[in-house]
Amino acid sequence: MSDKLTVKEFIAKKNKTKLSLLTCYDYSFACIFDKCGLDALVVGDSLTNVVLGLEDTRKISLREMLNHVLAVSKGAQNTMIIVDMPYKAYQVDPSKCVDNAKKLIAAGADAVKVEWFPKVEGKGYEYVIKKITKAGIPVMGHIGLTPQTAKLLGGFKVQGKTVDSGIELIEQACRVEKAGAFGVVLECVPADLAKLITEKIGIPTIGIGAGKDCDGQVLVSYDVLGIYQGKRPKFARVYADLSKIIKEAVGSFIDDVCDAKFPSLSESFTIDDEVLKEIKNNI
């Protein structure tokens, strides 16, 4: 029986207990995370950076995201799975958002996440949330620093530091809730502003670089575990340096191979002596 958190239960945790989320991109990590008690796993388009080594998250395709959702859903059957809709799946042509969201749900996701974006041919962010939720698919919003459109925001910078931009973020959060989202990610938002937003709206806020007063927190798992070797953002706390452990393990493997200590007899397959003798007699 699944202990997977429902959307209703996710919302009910606001003002009661903090929500903990991590990104996840493959089956093996999903199996581990599924036993940790996380509230949700996010199949984030951050895999573009930490898995594929690309800088622009807009380069990830729907097909690639579907593959990762399939893998994660096989390993995490007791944890809510939220998937980032890739840029091309809803921002290039918002009218296709429902069809693409349905594909992600069919692959194993429980909900989709969409980032705030400028209007395309009159169809904007709220249009996408309303269309997808009307189709029966839960949607999580994402405001503040939105990596898919970071260039339009002046790069990867903290958002909402002026009066106008701060008020705009509060208004965006209210519009996200009104459009039907069950939660909203606040990325790179000043802590005090994030607190105001959290108090203003009735759905959970999930912070990433937005201070401790959000209703929950999400981080990139490759940062938390010290796996990603690139530049980490200020807010990414490393809880374990697995890169060091991996390097040590690989080094030991190399040493054992060179010293003929691996594989041992117990790690090898055997053949009957008489069979081997006959083989040798026939070559």
Protein backbone atom coordinates (compact mmCIF):
# COMPACT_ATOMS: atom_id res chain seq x y z
CA MET A 1 0.00 0.00 0.00
CA SER A 2 1.39 3.39 -0.99
CA ASP A 3 2.11 6.07 1.63
CA LYS A 4 2.38 8.66 -1.13
CA LEU A 5 1.31 12.13 -0.06
CA THR A 6 -1.79 13.41 -1.87
CA VAL A 7 -2.14 16.99 -3.10
CA LYS A 8 -4.79 17.61 -0.45
CA GLU A 9 -2.44 16.35 2.27
CA PHE A 10 0.41 18.41 0.80
CA ILE A 11 -1.65 21.59 1.12
CA ALA A 12 -2.85 20.65 4.61
CA LYS A 13 0.74 20.67 5.89
CA LYS A 14 0.92 24.45 5.53
CA ASN A 15 1.34 26.10 8.94
CA LYS A 16 1.60 22.66 10.56
CA THR A 17 4.83 20.99 9.51
CA LYS A 18 7.60 21.81 7.07
CA LEU A 19 7.72 20.06 3.70
CA SER A 20 10.98 18.46 2.50
CA LEU A 21 11.66 17.94 -1.19
CA LEU A 22 14.70 16.84 -3.21
CA THR A 23 15.36 16.49 -6.90
CA CYS A 24 15.73 12.99 -8.31
CA TYR A 25 16.66 11.87 -11.80
CA ASP A 26 17.11 8.08 -11.85
CA TYR A 27 15.88 4.72 -10.58
CA SER A 28 18.66 3.91 -8.12
CA PHE A 29 18.47 7.21 -6.24
CA ALA A 30 14.67 7.01 -6.35
CA CYS A 31 14.78 3.64 -4.57
CA ILE A 32 16.93 5.17 -1.81
CA PHE A 33 14.98 8.43 -1.48
CA ASP A 34 11.69 6.50 -1.38
CA LYS A 35 12.73 5.11 2.01
CA CYS A 36 13.82 8.44 3.50
CA GLY A 37 10.47 10.01 4.33
CA LEU A 38 10.63 12.94 1.91
CA ASP A 39 7.32 14.64 1.11
CA ALA A 40 8.04 14.74 -2.61
CA LEU A 41 10.68 14.16 -5.25
CA VAL A 42 11.13 16.66 -8.05
CA VAL A 43 12.27 15.37 -11.43
CA GLY A 44 13.80 18.74 -12.15
CA ASP A 45 15.03 20.13 -15.42
CA SER A 46 18.16 20.88 -13.36
CA LEU A 47 19.26 17.48 -14.69
CA THR A 48 20.25 19.51 -17.75
CA ASN A 49 23.04 20.97 -15.62
CA VAL A 50 24.01 18.28 -13.11
CA VAL A 51 23.43 15.17 -15.26
CA LEU A 52 23.93 16.31 -18.86
CA GLY A 53 26.50 19.05 -18.21
CA LEU A 54 24.62 21.71 -20.17
CA GLU A 55 24.12 25.28 -18.97
CA ASP A 56 20.69 26.13 -20.38
CA THR A 57 17.73 24.20 -18.95
CA ARG A 58 15.74 25.10 -22.06
CA LYS A 59 17.77 22.52 -23.98
CA ILE A 60 16.13 19.54 -22.26
CA SER A 61 13.43 17.91 -24.39
CA LEU A 62 10.09 16.46 -23.36
CA ARG A 63 11.27 13.02 -24.48
CA GLU A 64 14.29 13.23 -22.17
CA MET A 65 12.14 14.34 -19.24
CA LEU A 66 9.75 11.46 -19.91
CA ASN A 67 12.62 8.97 -19.68
CA HIS A 68 13.70 10.33 -16.30
CA VAL A 69 10.14 10.38 -14.95
CA LEU A 70 9.74 6.74 -15.98
CA ALA A 71 12.95 5.82 -14.15
CA VAL A 72 12.10 7.72 -10.97
CA SER A 73 8.51 6.45 -10.83
CA LYS A 74 9.75 2.86 -10.96
CA GLY A 75 11.98 3.42 -7.94
CA ALA A 76 9.83 5.76 -5.84
CA GLN A 77 6.39 4.24 -5.54
CA ASN A 78 5.62 5.69 -2.10
CA THR A 79 6.69 9.30 -2.62
CA MET A 80 4.90 12.07 -4.51
CA ILE A 81 6.64 12.81 -7.81
CA ILE A 82 6.54 16.34 -9.23
CA VAL A 83 8.10 16.90 -12.64
CA ASP A 84 9.32 20.11 -14.23
CA MET A 85 7.61 20.71 -17.53
CA PRO A 86 10.46 21.49 -19.94
CA TYR A 87 10.52 24.88 -21.63
CA LYS A 88 9.45 23.56 -25.03
CA ALA A 89 6.46 21.73 -23.56
CA TYR A 90 4.51 24.86 -22.56
CA GLN A 91 6.35 28.13 -23.15
CA VAL A 92 6.95 27.92 -26.90
CA ASP A 93 3.29 27.06 -27.56
CA PRO A 94 1.13 27.31 -24.41
CA SER A 95 -1.84 25.71 -26.19
CA LYS A 96 0.02 22.37 -26.14
CA CYS A 97 0.52 22.42 -22.37
CA VAL A 98 -2.27 19.97 -21.52
CA ASP A 99 -1.22 17.31 -24.02
CA ASN A 100 2.38 17.48 -22.83
CA ALA A 101 1.40 17.47 -19.16
CA LYS A 102 -0.69 14.35 -19.77
CA LYS A 103 2.36 12.59 -21.22
CA LEU A 104 4.38 13.34 -18.09
CA ILE A 105 1.59 12.07 -15.85
CA ALA A 106 1.27 8.92 -17.96
CA ALA A 107 5.00 8.35 -17.46
CA GLY A 108 4.54 8.24 -13.69
CA ALA A 109 4.45 11.81 -12.36
CA ASP A 110 1.79 12.87 -9.83
CA ALA A 111 2.00 16.57 -10.63
CA VAL A 112 3.79 19.01 -12.92
CA LYS A 113 5.67 22.21 -12.12
CA VAL A 114 5.71 25.24 -14.40
CA GLU A 115 7.81 28.39 -14.18
CA TRP A 116 6.46 31.92 -14.54
CA PHE A 117 6.96 33.19 -18.10
CA PRO A 118 6.00 36.15 -20.32
CA LYS A 119 2.92 35.82 -22.47
CA VAL A 120 3.18 34.07 -25.81
CA GLU A 121 0.59 35.22 -28.34
CA GLY A 122 -1.66 36.42 -25.53
CA LYS A 123 -1.42 33.18 -23.57
CA GLY A 124 0.44 33.50 -20.30
CA TYR A 125 1.33 31.68 -17.13
CA GLU A 126 -2.12 31.62 -15.56
CA TYR A 127 -3.59 30.27 -18.80
CA VAL A 128 -1.25 27.28 -18.55
CA ILE A 129 -2.05 26.58 -14.88
CA LYS A 130 -5.80 26.84 -15.47
CA LYS A 131 -5.75 24.64 -18.57
CA ILE A 132 -3.70 21.90 -16.92
CA THR A 133 -5.62 21.89 -13.63
CA LYS A 134 -8.93 21.87 -15.52
CA ALA A 135 -7.69 18.66 -17.15
CA GLY A 136 -7.36 17.15 -13.67
CA ILE A 137 -3.59 17.45 -13.37
CA PRO A 138 -2.13 19.10 -10.21
CA VAL A 139 0.20 22.02 -10.89
CA MET A 140 2.94 23.56 -8.75
CA GLY A 141 4.00 27.09 -9.61
CA HIS A 142 7.51 28.58 -9.61
CA ILE A 143 8.31 32.28 -9.29
CA GLY A 144 11.31 34.46 -8.44
CA LEU A 145 14.38 33.26 -10.30
CA THR A 146 13.04 31.10 -13.11
CA PRO A 147 16.01 29.34 -14.77
CA GLN A 148 14.19 28.73 -18.06
CA THR A 149 13.85 32.50 -18.60
CA ALA A 150 16.75 33.72 -16.43
CA LYS A 151 18.18 35.82 -19.27
CA LEU A 152 15.04 37.96 -19.22
CA LEU A 153 15.58 38.56 -15.49
CA GLY A 154 19.14 39.78 -15.90
CA GLY A 155 20.77 36.43 -15.23
CA PHE A 156 20.90 34.18 -12.19
CA LYS A 157 20.27 36.87 -9.57
CA VAL A 158 18.16 37.33 -6.46
CA GLN A 159 14.69 38.59 -7.41
CA GLY A 160 12.37 41.02 -5.62
CA LYS A 161 14.95 43.33 -4.03
CA THR A 162 13.20 46.57 -5.07
CA VAL A 163 9.79 47.87 -4.04
CA ASP A 164 8.26 47.31 -7.46
CA SER A 165 9.75 43.86 -8.03
CA GLY A 166 8.89 42.78 -4.48
CA ILE A 167 5.25 43.80 -4.88
CA GLU A 168 5.20 42.10 -8.28
CA LEU A 169 6.36 38.80 -6.75
CA ILE A 170 3.65 38.98 -4.09
CA GLU A 171 1.07 39.61 -6.81
CA GLN A 172 2.43 36.72 -8.87
CA ALA A 173 2.13 34.36 -5.90
CA CYS A 174 -1.50 35.40 -5.40
CA ARG A 175 -2.21 34.86 -9.08
CA VAL A 176 -0.56 31.42 -8.97
CA GLU A 177 -2.86 30.42 -6.11
CA LYS A 178 -5.95 31.88 -7.78
CA ALA A 179 -5.14 30.04 -11.02
CA GLY A 180 -5.36 26.74 -9.13
CA ALA A 181 -1.81 25.70 -8.21
CA PHE A 182 -1.40 23.56 -5.08
CA GLY A 183 1.95 25.09 -4.16
CA VAL A 184 4.59 27.49 -5.40
CA VAL A 185 8.38 27.40 -5.46
CA LEU A 186 10.12 30.64 -4.46
CA GLU A 187 13.63 30.69 -5.88
CA CYS A 188 16.30 33.24 -4.95
CA VAL A 189 13.92 35.53 -3.09
CA PRO A 190 14.94 37.62 -0.04
CA ALA A 191 13.98 35.76 3.15
CA ASP A 192 11.77 38.53 4.53
CA LEU A 193 9.90 38.87 1.25
CA ALA A 194 9.43 35.10 1.07
CA LYS A 195 7.97 35.23 4.58
CA LEU A 196 5.47 37.89 3.47
CA ILE A 197 4.44 35.76 0.49
CA THR A 198 4.12 32.66 2.69
CA GLU A 199 1.81 34.54 5.07
CA LYS A 200 -0.17 36.09 2.22
CA ILE A 201 -1.23 32.96 0.33
CA GLY A 202 -3.08 29.81 1.37
CA ILE A 203 -0.98 27.27 -0.54
CA PRO A 204 2.45 26.02 0.56
CA THR A 205 5.55 27.92 -0.48
CA ILE A 206 8.62 25.83 -1.20
CA GLY A 207 11.83 27.75 -0.87
CA ILE A 208 15.12 27.33 -2.66
CA GLY A 209 17.32 30.22 -1.64
CA ALA A 210 14.30 31.93 -0.03
CA GLY A 211 14.92 31.69 3.71
CA LYS A 212 13.62 29.46 6.49
CA ASP A 213 10.07 30.83 6.75
CA CYS A 214 8.75 29.12 3.64
CA ASP A 215 6.41 26.18 4.20
CA GLY A 216 9.04 23.81 2.85
CA GLN A 217 12.41 23.53 1.18
CA VAL A 218 13.74 21.91 -1.97
CA LEU A 219 17.35 21.38 -3.03
CA VAL A 220 19.17 19.69 -5.87
CA SER A 221 20.14 16.25 -4.56
CA TYR A 222 23.49 16.33 -6.37
CA ASP A 223 24.34 19.44 -4.31
CA VAL A 224 23.13 17.96 -1.03
CA LEU A 225 25.22 14.83 -1.60
CA GLY A 226 28.31 16.62 -2.90
CA ILE A 227 28.18 14.89 -6.28
CA TYR A 228 27.94 17.88 -8.62
CA GLN A 229 31.41 19.29 -9.23
CA GLY A 230 30.38 22.59 -10.79
CA LYS A 231 29.71 25.90 -9.07
CA ARG A 232 27.06 25.55 -6.38
CA PRO A 233 24.70 28.40 -5.42
CA LYS A 234 25.00 30.10 -2.03
CA PHE A 235 21.93 28.37 -0.63
CA ALA A 236 23.04 24.80 -1.47
CA ARG A 237 24.14 23.07 1.73
CA VAL A 238 26.32 19.99 1.27
CA TYR A 239 25.31 17.30 3.78
CA ALA A 240 27.73 14.62 2.56
CA ASP A 241 30.76 14.65 0.25
CA LEU A 242 29.99 11.55 -1.78
CA SER A 243 32.41 12.69 -4.47
CA LYS A 244 35.29 11.98 -2.05
CA ILE A 245 33.90 8.54 -1.19
CA ILE A 246 33.42 7.73 -4.88
CA LYS A 247 36.97 8.78 -5.73
CA GLU A 248 38.35 6.63 -2.92
CA ALA A 249 36.29 3.63 -4.04
CA VAL A 250 37.40 3.99 -7.67
CA GLY A 251 41.01 4.37 -6.55
CA SER A 252 40.78 1.15 -4.55
CA PHE A 253 39.26 -0.61 -7.57
CA ILE A 254 42.16 0.52 -9.78
CA ASP A 255 44.72 -0.65 -7.20
CA ASP A 256 43.07 -4.06 -6.85
CA VAL A 257 42.96 -4.54 -10.62
CA CYS A 258 46.61 -3.60 -11.03
CA ASP A 259 47.67 -5.87 -8.13
CA ALA A 260 45.51 -8.75 -9.44
CA LYS A 261 43.45 -8.68 -6.24
CA PHE A 262 40.23 -8.27 -8.19
CA PRO A 263 38.43 -10.39 -9.07
CA SER A 264 38.99 -13.00 -6.38
CA LEU A 265 38.12 -16.68 -6.82
CA SER A 266 34.78 -16.12 -5.08
CA GLU A 267 34.00 -13.39 -7.62
CA SER A 268 34.86 -15.61 -10.59
CA PHE A 269 33.08 -18.49 -12.36
CA THR A 270 34.59 -21.98 -12.48
CA ILE A 271 34.63 -24.79 -15.01
CA ASP A 272 34.94 -28.54 -14.46
CA ASP A 273 38.56 -29.72 -14.67
CA GLU A 274 37.72 -32.54 -17.09
CA VAL A 275 35.85 -30.14 -19.38
CA LEU A 276 38.77 -27.74 -19.36
CA LYS A 277 41.19 -30.60 -20.10
CA GLU A 278 39.13 -31.68 -23.11
CA ILE A 279 38.96 -28.09 -24.38
CA LYS A 280 42.75 -27.83 -24.18
CA ASN A 281 43.15 -31.16 -26.03
CA ASN A 282 41.05 -29.83 -28.90
CA ILE A 283 42.83 -26.55 -29.56
